């Protein structure tokens, strides 16, 4: 259970990082979202 919780949290953090990098790099957010889903 704890491992599953950690996995989902790490995915959420990774997604937020991707969104932040897309803002900095000027890459459209929807392209990053498609890569992470």
N, C-alpha and C. Protein backbone atom coordinates (compact mmCIF):
# COMPACT_ATOMS: atom_id res chain seq x y z
N UNK A 1 0.84 -1.20 0.00
CA UNK A 1 0.00 0.00 0.00
C UNK A 1 0.87 1.25 0.00
N UNK A 2 1.89 1.23 0.85
CA UNK A 2 2.78 2.39 0.94
C UNK A 2 3.55 2.58 -0.37
N UNK A 3 3.98 1.48 -0.95
CA UNK A 3 4.71 1.54 -2.21
C UNK A 3 3.84 2.10 -3.32
N UNK A 4 2.57 1.71 -3.33
CA UNK A 4 1.64 2.21 -4.35
C UNK A 4 1.43 3.71 -4.17
N UNK A 5 1.30 4.15 -2.94
CA UNK A 5 1.13 5.57 -2.62
C UNK A 5 2.34 6.35 -3.10
N UNK A 6 3.51 5.81 -2.84
CA UNK A 6 4.75 6.48 -3.24
C UNK A 6 4.85 6.57 -4.75
N UNK A 7 4.43 5.52 -5.45
CA UNK A 7 4.51 5.49 -6.90
C UNK A 7 3.62 6.58 -7.51
N UNK A 8 2.39 6.70 -7.01
CA UNK A 8 1.47 7.70 -7.55
C UNK A 8 1.99 9.10 -7.24
N UNK A 9 2.55 9.29 -6.05
CA UNK A 9 3.10 10.60 -5.68
C UNK A 9 4.27 10.97 -6.58
N UNK A 10 5.14 10.00 -6.86
CA UNK A 10 6.30 10.27 -7.71
C UNK A 10 5.86 10.60 -9.13
N UNK A 11 4.79 9.95 -9.60
CA UNK A 11 4.27 10.25 -10.93
C UNK A 11 3.72 11.67 -10.97
N UNK A 12 3.04 12.08 -9.89
CA UNK A 12 2.48 13.43 -9.82
C UNK A 12 3.60 14.47 -9.82
N UNK A 13 4.65 14.20 -9.06
CA UNK A 13 5.80 15.11 -9.01
C UNK A 13 6.47 15.20 -10.37
N UNK A 14 6.62 14.05 -11.03
CA UNK A 14 7.24 14.03 -12.35
C UNK A 14 6.41 14.83 -13.35
N UNK A 15 5.09 14.70 -13.24
CA UNK A 15 4.20 15.45 -14.14
C UNK A 15 4.34 16.95 -13.90
N UNK A 16 4.38 17.35 -12.62
CA UNK A 16 4.53 18.77 -12.30
C UNK A 16 5.86 19.30 -12.82
N UNK A 17 6.91 18.50 -12.70
CA UNK A 17 8.21 18.91 -13.21
C UNK A 17 8.17 19.08 -14.73
N UNK A 18 7.48 18.16 -15.40
CA UNK A 18 7.36 18.25 -16.86
C UNK A 18 6.61 19.51 -17.26
N UNK A 19 5.56 19.85 -16.52
CA UNK A 19 4.80 21.06 -16.81
C UNK A 19 5.66 22.29 -16.60
N UNK A 20 6.44 22.30 -15.51
CA UNK A 20 7.31 23.43 -15.23
C UNK A 20 8.37 23.59 -16.31
N UNK A 21 8.97 22.49 -16.75
CA UNK A 21 9.98 22.54 -17.79
C UNK A 21 9.38 22.97 -19.12
N UNK A 22 8.12 22.58 -19.37
CA UNK A 22 7.46 22.97 -20.62
C UNK A 22 7.23 24.47 -20.62
N UNK A 23 6.92 25.04 -19.43
CA UNK A 23 6.75 26.49 -19.33
C UNK A 23 8.07 27.20 -19.60
N UNK A 24 9.16 26.67 -19.04
CA UNK A 24 10.46 27.30 -19.21
C UNK A 24 10.95 27.17 -20.64
N UNK A 25 10.71 26.01 -21.26
CA UNK A 25 11.23 25.74 -22.60
C UNK A 25 10.31 26.22 -23.70
N UNK A 26 9.08 26.59 -23.34
CA UNK A 26 8.14 27.05 -24.35
C UNK A 26 7.48 25.90 -25.11
N UNK A 27 7.58 24.69 -24.56
CA UNK A 27 6.95 23.53 -25.20
C UNK A 27 5.48 23.47 -24.79
N UNK A 28 4.58 23.25 -25.73
CA UNK A 28 3.15 23.16 -25.40
C UNK A 28 2.89 22.11 -24.33
N UNK A 29 2.07 22.45 -23.35
CA UNK A 29 1.81 21.55 -22.23
C UNK A 29 1.15 20.26 -22.68
N UNK A 30 0.28 20.33 -23.68
CA UNK A 30 -0.45 19.12 -24.08
C UNK A 30 0.48 18.05 -24.64
N UNK A 31 1.58 18.46 -25.26
CA UNK A 31 2.55 17.48 -25.77
C UNK A 31 3.23 16.76 -24.61
N UNK A 32 3.60 17.49 -23.57
CA UNK A 32 4.20 16.88 -22.39
C UNK A 32 3.20 15.95 -21.71
N UNK A 33 1.94 16.39 -21.63
CA UNK A 33 0.90 15.58 -20.99
C UNK A 33 0.70 14.26 -21.73
N UNK A 34 0.78 14.30 -23.05
CA UNK A 34 0.62 13.08 -23.83
C UNK A 34 1.77 12.11 -23.57
N UNK A 35 2.96 12.65 -23.33
CA UNK A 35 4.11 11.79 -23.07
C UNK A 35 4.00 11.10 -21.71
N UNK A 36 3.39 11.78 -20.73
CA UNK A 36 3.34 11.24 -19.38
C UNK A 36 2.15 10.31 -19.17
N UNK A 37 1.13 10.39 -20.00
CA UNK A 37 -0.05 9.54 -19.81
C UNK A 37 0.16 8.17 -20.41
